[in-house]
Structures are given as structure tokens and as C-alpha cells.
């Protein structure tokens, strides 16, 4: 988690409007993942953050909005809570419920 926090700090030094993070908690233990997620929740008060992740639990905990992509196409985008509890698209629901993926 230390390396991830350092990379985030370096990105913030440039005073960006948006942070793009690709799998920011990949290969981290649960404790380090929690610390990174807590940092992201704090940072989203000041920055727009775009996270690319395959970890649905992380997306549901750390995001306000979620997009589901399949085969390079955006299938659904909306408020995270709604997307995870009442997805509008059948493919989104199938992925969330583990029927494929």
C-alpha cells in the first residue's frame, strides 16, 4: 500500500482536476486495501477520481457512480447504489450476480 500511496501523492503534486487510477489496490492485503480506499474517500471531496477495477466490492464501497463495460462498450452507468441493487441492463445484473465474468 505504501507504493500506491506514494504514486497518488506524486499525482496530487501536479494539482490535477481528475485522478485516473488503474486497479489501485491490486495485489494488496485487505488492511492495505482499506487504507487506500479510506484515502480515496477523503480525496474525492476535492478531486474527481476515476477508478478502473474488476473488484466489485471495492467499486461499491469507494464510488458514487459506476460504469459497467463489456467487450469495450459501456453497458450501463449510474449511481453506484442503484447500479448494484437495481441494474437497468440484464448484462449488468448477470455480471453483478456472478452468472458470467
N, C-alpha and C. Protein backbone atom coordinates (compact mmCIF):
# COMPACT_ATOMS: atom_id res chain seq x y z
N UNK A 1 0.79 -1.20 0.00
CA UNK A 1 0.00 0.00 0.00
C UNK A 1 0.84 1.27 0.00
N UNK A 2 2.06 1.16 0.53
CA UNK A 2 2.93 2.34 0.59
C UNK A 2 3.25 2.85 -0.81
N UNK A 3 3.54 1.94 -1.73
CA UNK A 3 3.86 2.34 -3.09
C UNK A 3 2.65 3.02 -3.76
N UNK A 4 1.45 2.49 -3.53
CA UNK A 4 0.26 3.10 -4.09
C UNK A 4 0.05 4.51 -3.54
N UNK A 5 0.24 4.67 -2.23
CA UNK A 5 0.06 5.99 -1.62
C UNK A 5 1.09 6.98 -2.18
N UNK A 6 2.32 6.51 -2.39
CA UNK A 6 3.35 7.36 -2.97
C UNK A 6 2.98 7.79 -4.39
N UNK A 7 2.48 6.87 -5.18
CA UNK A 7 2.06 7.22 -6.55
C UNK A 7 0.92 8.22 -6.54
N UNK A 8 -0.03 8.06 -5.63
CA UNK A 8 -1.14 9.01 -5.52
C UNK A 8 -0.61 10.38 -5.11
N UNK A 9 0.31 10.41 -4.16
CA UNK A 9 0.90 11.68 -3.71
C UNK A 9 1.63 12.37 -4.86
N UNK A 10 2.35 11.61 -5.66
CA UNK A 10 3.05 12.20 -6.80
C UNK A 10 2.06 12.79 -7.80
N UNK A 11 0.97 12.09 -8.02
CA UNK A 11 -0.05 12.60 -8.95
C UNK A 11 -0.68 13.88 -8.40
N UNK A 12 -0.92 13.92 -7.10
CA UNK A 12 -1.55 15.11 -6.49
C UNK A 12 -0.63 16.33 -6.54
N UNK A 13 0.67 16.10 -6.58
CA UNK A 13 1.62 17.22 -6.64
C UNK A 13 1.42 18.06 -7.90
N UNK A 14 0.85 17.46 -8.93
CA UNK A 14 0.57 18.18 -10.18
C UNK A 14 -0.74 18.96 -10.14
N UNK A 15 -1.45 18.89 -9.02
CA UNK A 15 -2.73 19.57 -8.83
C UNK A 15 -3.72 19.26 -9.95
N UNK A 16 -4.00 17.98 -10.18
CA UNK A 16 -4.91 17.62 -11.27
C UNK A 16 -6.37 17.89 -10.89
N UNK A 17 -7.22 17.96 -11.89
CA UNK A 17 -8.65 18.02 -11.63
C UNK A 17 -9.21 16.61 -11.48
N UNK A 18 -8.58 15.66 -12.17
CA UNK A 18 -9.05 14.27 -12.19
C UNK A 18 -7.88 13.34 -11.91
N UNK A 19 -8.12 12.34 -11.08
CA UNK A 19 -7.15 11.26 -10.85
C UNK A 19 -7.67 10.01 -11.55
N UNK A 20 -6.85 9.39 -12.37
CA UNK A 20 -7.20 8.13 -13.02
C UNK A 20 -6.36 7.04 -12.37
N UNK A 21 -7.02 6.08 -11.74
CA UNK A 21 -6.33 5.01 -11.02
C UNK A 21 -6.72 3.67 -11.63
N UNK A 22 -5.74 2.93 -12.10
CA UNK A 22 -5.97 1.62 -12.71
C UNK A 22 -5.64 0.54 -11.69
N UNK A 23 -6.66 -0.13 -11.19
CA UNK A 23 -6.51 -1.19 -10.19
C UNK A 23 -5.62 -0.73 -9.02
N UNK A 24 -6.00 0.32 -8.30
CA UNK A 24 -5.13 0.88 -7.26
C UNK A 24 -4.86 -0.05 -6.09
N UNK A 25 -5.66 -1.08 -5.92
CA UNK A 25 -5.46 -1.99 -4.78
C UNK A 25 -5.12 -3.40 -5.22
N UNK A 26 -4.71 -3.55 -6.46
CA UNK A 26 -4.37 -4.86 -6.98
C UNK A 26 -3.23 -5.48 -6.16
N UNK A 27 -3.40 -6.71 -5.78
CA UNK A 27 -2.39 -7.50 -5.06
C UNK A 27 -2.07 -6.96 -3.66
N UNK A 28 -2.97 -6.18 -3.08
CA UNK A 28 -2.76 -5.70 -1.71
C UNK A 28 -3.55 -6.55 -0.74
N UNK A 29 -3.05 -6.63 0.49
CA UNK A 29 -3.78 -7.34 1.53
C UNK A 29 -4.99 -6.50 1.95
N UNK A 30 -5.96 -7.10 2.63
CA UNK A 30 -7.18 -6.36 3.00
C UNK A 30 -6.93 -5.09 3.81
N UNK A 31 -5.97 -5.10 4.70
CA UNK A 31 -5.68 -3.91 5.51
C UNK A 31 -5.17 -2.76 4.66
N UNK A 32 -4.24 -3.05 3.77
CA UNK A 32 -3.71 -2.01 2.88
C UNK A 32 -4.79 -1.51 1.93
N UNK A 33 -5.63 -2.42 1.45
CA UNK A 33 -6.74 -2.03 0.59
C UNK A 33 -7.66 -1.07 1.31
N UNK A 34 -7.97 -1.36 2.56
CA UNK A 34 -8.85 -0.50 3.34
C UNK A 34 -8.26 0.90 3.48
N UNK A 35 -6.95 0.98 3.74
CA UNK A 35 -6.31 2.29 3.90
C UNK A 35 -6.35 3.09 2.59
N UNK A 36 -6.13 2.42 1.47
CA UNK A 36 -6.19 3.12 0.17
C UNK A 36 -7.62 3.59 -0.09
N UNK A 37 -8.60 2.74 0.19
CA UNK A 37 -10.00 3.13 -0.03
C UNK A 37 -10.38 4.31 0.87
N UNK A 38 -9.93 4.31 2.10
CA UNK A 38 -10.21 5.43 3.01
C UNK A 38 -9.59 6.72 2.46
N UNK A 39 -8.38 6.61 1.93
CA UNK A 39 -7.73 7.77 1.32
C UNK A 39 -8.54 8.28 0.13
N UNK A 40 -9.02 7.36 -0.70
CA UNK A 40 -9.79 7.77 -1.88
C UNK A 40 -11.10 8.44 -1.49
N UNK A 41 -11.75 7.93 -0.46
CA UNK A 41 -12.99 8.55 0.02
C UNK A 41 -12.71 9.98 0.48
N UNK A 42 -11.59 10.17 1.14
CA UNK A 42 -11.20 11.52 1.58
C UNK A 42 -10.88 12.42 0.39
N UNK A 43 -10.12 11.88 -0.57
CA UNK A 43 -9.70 12.68 -1.72
C UNK A 43 -10.86 13.05 -2.64
N UNK A 44 -11.90 12.23 -2.68
CA UNK A 44 -12.99 12.53 -3.61
C UNK A 44 -13.79 13.77 -3.20
N UNK A 45 -13.51 14.29 -2.02
CA UNK A 45 -14.12 15.56 -1.62
C UNK A 45 -13.51 16.73 -2.40
N UNK A 46 -12.28 16.55 -2.88
CA UNK A 46 -11.56 17.62 -3.57
C UNK A 46 -11.24 17.33 -5.03
N UNK A 47 -11.30 16.06 -5.42
CA UNK A 47 -10.91 15.67 -6.77
C UNK A 47 -11.96 14.75 -7.37
N UNK A 48 -12.03 14.78 -8.70
CA UNK A 48 -12.78 13.75 -9.41
C UNK A 48 -11.84 12.57 -9.55
N UNK A 49 -12.31 11.38 -9.21
CA UNK A 49 -11.46 10.19 -9.25
C UNK A 49 -12.13 9.15 -10.12
N UNK A 50 -11.39 8.64 -11.09
CA UNK A 50 -11.86 7.58 -11.96
C UNK A 50 -11.04 6.34 -11.65
N UNK A 51 -11.71 5.29 -11.20
CA UNK A 51 -11.03 4.05 -10.82
C UNK A 51 -11.43 2.95 -11.80
N UNK A 52 -10.44 2.29 -12.36
CA UNK A 52 -10.67 1.10 -13.17
C UNK A 52 -10.40 -0.09 -12.27
N UNK A 53 -11.41 -0.94 -12.08
CA UNK A 53 -11.23 -2.09 -11.20
C UNK A 53 -12.13 -3.24 -11.63
N UNK A 54 -11.69 -4.44 -11.35
CA UNK A 54 -12.53 -5.63 -11.52
C UNK A 54 -13.12 -6.05 -10.18
N UNK A 55 -12.78 -5.33 -9.13
CA UNK A 55 -13.22 -5.66 -7.78
C UNK A 55 -14.56 -4.96 -7.51
N UNK A 56 -15.64 -5.70 -7.64
CA UNK A 56 -16.97 -5.10 -7.49
C UNK A 56 -17.21 -4.60 -6.08
N UNK A 57 -16.68 -5.29 -5.08
CA UNK A 57 -16.86 -4.83 -3.70
C UNK A 57 -16.19 -3.48 -3.51
N UNK A 58 -15.01 -3.33 -4.06
CA UNK A 58 -14.31 -2.05 -3.96
C UNK A 58 -15.09 -0.95 -4.67
N UNK A 59 -15.59 -1.23 -5.85
CA UNK A 59 -16.38 -0.24 -6.58
C UNK A 59 -17.61 0.18 -5.77
N UNK A 60 -18.25 -0.79 -5.13
CA UNK A 60 -19.46 -0.45 -4.36
C UNK A 60 -19.13 0.35 -3.10
N UNK A 61 -17.95 0.15 -2.53
CA UNK A 61 -17.57 0.88 -1.32
C UNK A 61 -17.04 2.27 -1.61
N UNK A 62 -16.28 2.43 -2.67
CA UNK A 62 -15.49 3.65 -2.86
C UNK A 62 -16.06 4.63 -3.88
N UNK A 63 -17.11 4.25 -4.60
CA UNK A 63 -17.56 5.12 -5.69
C UNK A 63 -18.96 5.68 -5.47
N UNK A 64 -19.19 6.82 -6.07
CA UNK A 64 -20.53 7.42 -6.09
C UNK A 64 -21.27 7.00 -7.36
N UNK A 65 -20.52 6.86 -8.45
CA UNK A 65 -21.08 6.43 -9.73
C UNK A 65 -20.25 5.27 -10.25
N UNK A 66 -20.89 4.36 -10.98
CA UNK A 66 -20.21 3.19 -11.52
C UNK A 66 -20.64 2.97 -12.96
N UNK A 67 -19.67 2.57 -13.77
CA UNK A 67 -19.96 2.18 -15.15
C UNK A 67 -19.57 0.73 -15.33
N UNK A 68 -20.37 0.01 -16.08
CA UNK A 68 -20.06 -1.39 -16.39
C UNK A 68 -19.75 -1.48 -17.88
N UNK A 69 -18.54 -1.93 -18.19
CA UNK A 69 -18.10 -2.11 -19.57
C UNK A 69 -18.06 -3.60 -19.89
N UNK A 70 -18.43 -3.93 -21.11
CA UNK A 70 -18.34 -5.32 -21.58
C UNK A 70 -17.90 -5.29 -23.03
N UNK A 71 -16.84 -6.00 -23.34
CA UNK A 71 -16.28 -6.06 -24.68
C UNK A 71 -16.02 -4.66 -25.25
N UNK A 72 -15.50 -3.79 -24.40
CA UNK A 72 -15.12 -2.46 -24.84
C UNK A 72 -16.26 -1.47 -24.98
N UNK A 73 -17.46 -1.85 -24.59
CA UNK A 73 -18.62 -0.97 -24.70
C UNK A 73 -19.19 -0.68 -23.32
N UNK A 74 -19.62 0.56 -23.13
CA UNK A 74 -20.27 0.94 -21.89
C UNK A 74 -21.69 0.40 -21.92
N UNK A 75 -21.99 -0.52 -21.03
CA UNK A 75 -23.31 -1.14 -20.97
C UNK A 75 -24.25 -0.33 -20.08
N UNK A 76 -23.74 0.12 -18.95
CA UNK A 76 -24.59 0.86 -18.02
C UNK A 76 -23.73 1.80 -17.17
N UNK A 77 -24.30 2.94 -16.86
CA UNK A 77 -23.64 3.92 -16.00
C UNK A 77 -24.71 4.55 -15.12
N UNK A 78 -24.39 4.70 -13.85
CA UNK A 78 -25.35 5.35 -12.96
C UNK A 78 -24.82 5.42 -11.54
N UNK A 79 -25.69 5.85 -10.64
CA UNK A 79 -25.31 5.90 -9.24
C UNK A 79 -24.99 4.49 -8.77
N UNK A 80 -23.91 4.37 -8.03
CA UNK A 80 -23.40 3.06 -7.62
C UNK A 80 -24.46 2.23 -6.91
N UNK A 81 -25.13 2.81 -5.94
CA UNK A 81 -26.11 2.05 -5.18
C UNK A 81 -27.21 1.49 -6.09
N UNK A 82 -27.69 2.31 -7.00
CA UNK A 82 -28.74 1.85 -7.91
C UNK A 82 -28.22 0.78 -8.86
N UNK A 83 -27.02 0.98 -9.39
CA UNK A 83 -26.47 0.00 -10.33
C UNK A 83 -26.29 -1.36 -9.67
N UNK A 84 -25.88 -1.37 -8.41
CA UNK A 84 -25.65 -2.64 -7.73
C UNK A 84 -26.92 -3.27 -7.18
N UNK A 85 -27.95 -2.48 -6.91
CA UNK A 85 -29.18 -3.05 -6.33
C UNK A 85 -30.31 -3.20 -7.35
N UNK A 86 -30.34 -2.33 -8.35
CA UNK A 86 -31.40 -2.40 -9.37
C UNK A 86 -30.83 -2.03 -10.73
N UNK A 87 -29.95 -2.86 -11.27
CA UNK A 87 -29.38 -2.53 -12.57
C UNK A 87 -30.46 -2.52 -13.65
N UNK A 88 -30.31 -1.62 -14.60
CA UNK A 88 -31.30 -1.50 -15.67
C UNK A 88 -31.03 -2.49 -16.80
N UNK A 89 -29.79 -2.91 -16.94
CA UNK A 89 -29.41 -3.79 -18.04
C UNK A 89 -29.23 -5.23 -17.56
N UNK A 90 -29.73 -6.17 -18.34
CA UNK A 90 -29.64 -7.59 -17.99
C UNK A 90 -28.19 -8.05 -17.88
N UNK A 91 -27.32 -7.57 -18.79
CA UNK A 91 -25.91 -7.98 -18.73
C UNK A 91 -25.24 -7.48 -17.46
N UNK A 92 -25.59 -6.29 -17.02
CA UNK A 92 -25.04 -5.77 -15.76
C UNK A 92 -25.46 -6.66 -14.61
N UNK A 93 -26.72 -6.99 -14.54
CA UNK A 93 -27.22 -7.84 -13.47
C UNK A 93 -26.55 -9.21 -13.50
N UNK A 94 -26.38 -9.77 -14.69
CA UNK A 94 -25.74 -11.08 -14.81
C UNK A 94 -24.31 -11.04 -14.29
N UNK A 95 -23.59 -9.96 -14.58
CA UNK A 95 -22.22 -9.83 -14.10
C UNK A 95 -22.17 -9.66 -12.58
N UNK A 96 -23.00 -8.78 -12.07
CA UNK A 96 -23.02 -8.50 -10.63
C UNK A 96 -23.39 -9.74 -9.82
N UNK A 97 -24.31 -10.53 -10.35
CA UNK A 97 -24.75 -11.73 -9.62
C UNK A 97 -23.86 -12.93 -9.88
N UNK A 98 -22.83 -12.77 -10.70
CA UNK A 98 -21.88 -13.85 -10.91
C UNK A 98 -22.29 -14.87 -11.96
N UNK A 99 -23.28 -14.56 -12.78
CA UNK A 99 -23.70 -15.51 -13.81
C UNK A 99 -22.70 -15.57 -14.96
N UNK A 100 -21.86 -14.55 -15.09
CA UNK A 100 -20.73 -14.62 -16.02
C UNK A 100 -19.65 -13.68 -15.52
N UNK A 101 -18.44 -13.86 -16.06
CA UNK A 101 -17.33 -13.00 -15.68
C UNK A 101 -16.42 -13.70 -14.77
